[in-house]
Protein backbone atom coordinates (compact mmCIF):
# COMPACT_ATOMS: atom_id res chain seq x y z
CA UNK A 1 0.01 0.03 -0.17
CA UNK A 2 1.42 3.40 -1.03
CA UNK A 3 0.79 5.79 1.96
CA UNK A 4 -0.28 9.65 1.66
CA UNK A 5 1.89 12.02 3.38
CA UNK A 6 -1.01 14.02 4.46
CA UNK A 7 -2.83 11.40 6.52
CA UNK A 8 -1.44 9.62 9.55
CA UNK A 9 -0.57 6.12 8.59
CA UNK A 10 -2.97 4.40 10.91
CA UNK A 11 -5.92 6.07 9.52
CA UNK A 12 -4.99 4.89 6.09
CA UNK A 13 -4.68 1.51 7.07
CA UNK A 14 -7.96 1.58 8.83
CA UNK A 15 -9.55 3.18 5.72
CA UNK A 16 -8.22 0.29 3.71
CA UNK A 17 -9.47 -2.27 5.95
CA UNK A 18 -12.85 -0.63 5.96
CA UNK A 19 -13.11 -0.81 2.36
CA UNK A 20 -12.48 -4.47 2.64
CA UNK A 21 -15.12 -4.91 5.08
CA UNK A 22 -17.63 -3.13 2.92
CA UNK A 23 -16.71 -4.90 -0.07
CA UNK A 24 -17.09 -8.13 1.69
CA UNK A 25 -13.49 -9.03 1.30
CA UNK A 26 -13.50 -9.19 4.95
CA UNK A 27 -16.74 -10.87 5.99
CA UNK A 28 -18.42 -10.48 9.24
CA UNK A 29 -16.72 -12.24 12.03
CA UNK A 30 -13.65 -12.76 10.16
CA UNK A 31 -10.31 -13.21 12.14
CA UNK A 32 -7.90 -10.38 11.44
CA UNK A 33 -4.18 -10.92 11.13
CA UNK A 34 -2.22 -10.39 14.52
CA UNK A 35 -0.69 -6.78 15.00
CA UNK A 36 2.57 -8.27 13.96
CA UNK A 37 1.31 -9.81 10.77
CA UNK A 38 -0.82 -6.67 10.12
CA UNK A 39 2.53 -4.56 10.50
CA UNK A 40 4.28 -6.79 8.14
CA UNK A 41 1.36 -6.93 5.74
CA UNK A 42 1.25 -2.97 5.50
CA UNK A 43 4.82 -2.45 6.21
CA UNK A 44 4.20 -0.44 9.24
CA UNK A 45 5.68 -0.16 12.89
CA UNK A 46 4.25 -2.75 15.11
CA UNK A 47 3.02 -0.10 17.30
CA UNK A 48 1.16 1.70 14.54
CA UNK A 49 -0.41 -1.73 13.76
CA UNK A 50 -1.53 -2.17 17.57
CA UNK A 51 -2.98 1.51 17.33
CA UNK A 52 -4.94 0.33 14.09
CA UNK A 53 -6.77 -2.31 16.07
CA UNK A 54 -7.34 -0.20 19.24
CA UNK A 55 -8.96 2.61 16.92
CA UNK A 56 -10.89 -0.12 15.20
CA UNK A 57 -12.42 -1.57 18.33
CA UNK A 58 -13.14 2.02 19.56
CA UNK A 59 -15.27 2.45 16.37
CA UNK A 60 -16.79 -0.90 16.92
CA UNK A 61 -15.51 -2.41 13.71
CA UNK A 62 -13.57 -5.21 15.50
CA UNK A 63 -13.47 -6.88 18.75
CA UNK A 64 -10.73 -8.92 20.44
CA UNK A 65 -11.35 -12.41 22.10
CA UNK A 66 -8.32 -12.68 24.84
CA UNK A 67 -5.89 -15.34 23.57
CA UNK A 68 -7.37 -15.80 20.37
CA UNK A 69 -7.31 -12.69 18.19
CA UNK A 70 -9.02 -9.92 16.79
CA UNK A 71 -11.99 -10.22 14.54
CA UNK A 72 -14.24 -8.18 12.26
CA UNK A 73 -17.65 -7.03 14.06
CA UNK A 74 -20.51 -9.29 13.59
CA UNK A 75 -22.81 -6.63 13.80
CA UNK A 76 -24.42 -5.65 10.32
CA UNK A 77 -25.52 -2.41 11.51
CA UNK A 78 -21.92 -1.30 11.73
CA UNK A 79 -21.22 -2.20 8.13
CA UNK A 80 -24.51 -0.27 7.18
CA UNK A 81 -23.17 2.84 9.38
CA UNK A 82 -19.74 2.30 7.34
CA UNK A 83 -21.48 2.06 3.82
CA UNK A 84 -23.39 5.38 4.65
CA UNK A 85 -20.30 7.23 6.04
CA UNK A 86 -18.36 6.21 2.79
CA UNK A 87 -21.33 7.27 0.85
CA UNK A 88 -21.69 10.63 2.36
CA UNK A 89 -17.79 11.24 1.96
CA UNK A 90 -18.11 10.36 -2.05
CA UNK A 91 -21.22 12.46 -2.50
CA UNK A 92 -19.68 15.41 -0.55
CA UNK A 93 -16.45 15.43 -2.78
CA UNK A 94 -18.58 14.99 -5.74
CA UNK A 95 -21.05 18.04 -4.83
CA UNK A 96 -18.17 20.21 -4.09
CA UNK A 97 -16.26 19.46 -7.40
CA UNK A 98 -19.41 19.87 -9.36
CA UNK A 99 -20.69 23.02 -7.68
CA UNK A 100 -17.23 24.19 -7.86
CA UNK A 101 -17.63 24.03 -11.76
CA UNK A 102 -20.75 25.82 -11.57
CA UNK A 103 -23.45 23.29 -11.58
CA UNK A 104 -26.79 23.54 -9.61
CA UNK A 105 -28.01 20.73 -7.29
CA UNK A 106 -30.70 20.21 -9.94
CA UNK A 107 -28.20 20.08 -12.77
CA UNK A 108 -26.14 17.61 -10.64
CA UNK A 109 -29.27 15.40 -10.20
CA UNK A 110 -30.00 15.45 -13.87
CA UNK A 111 -26.34 14.61 -14.99
CA UNK A 112 -26.48 11.60 -12.69
CA UNK A 113 -29.68 10.34 -13.95
CA UNK A 114 -28.49 10.80 -17.54
CA UNK A 115 -25.42 9.01 -16.72
CA UNK A 116 -26.96 6.08 -15.23
CA UNK A 117 -29.42 5.90 -18.12
CA UNK A 118 -26.69 5.15 -20.32
């Protein structure tokens, strides 16, 4: 994974894992790699990998079973929330770019309708 310099690495790793959860590449309840394995997989510091999992737990994206490992949440509502957050981010960027080009909200809706009518 190629990291951007404008965002902390641990957040970029979390975003990548979120995408894998949303797309189903990491299904609900899947066992995640250990912190050490995650550090190797993403070529990051082991402390950063531990921070990734701590943050993911605080976001309820994962949970840890002591002595067994860390797992993707089994709560489908968390995944629905993730999808809604991603959708909002995408639409916000799209709106900013298109309104910056001078399109009105009505024109944007029409453009999207025309795009999907193809």
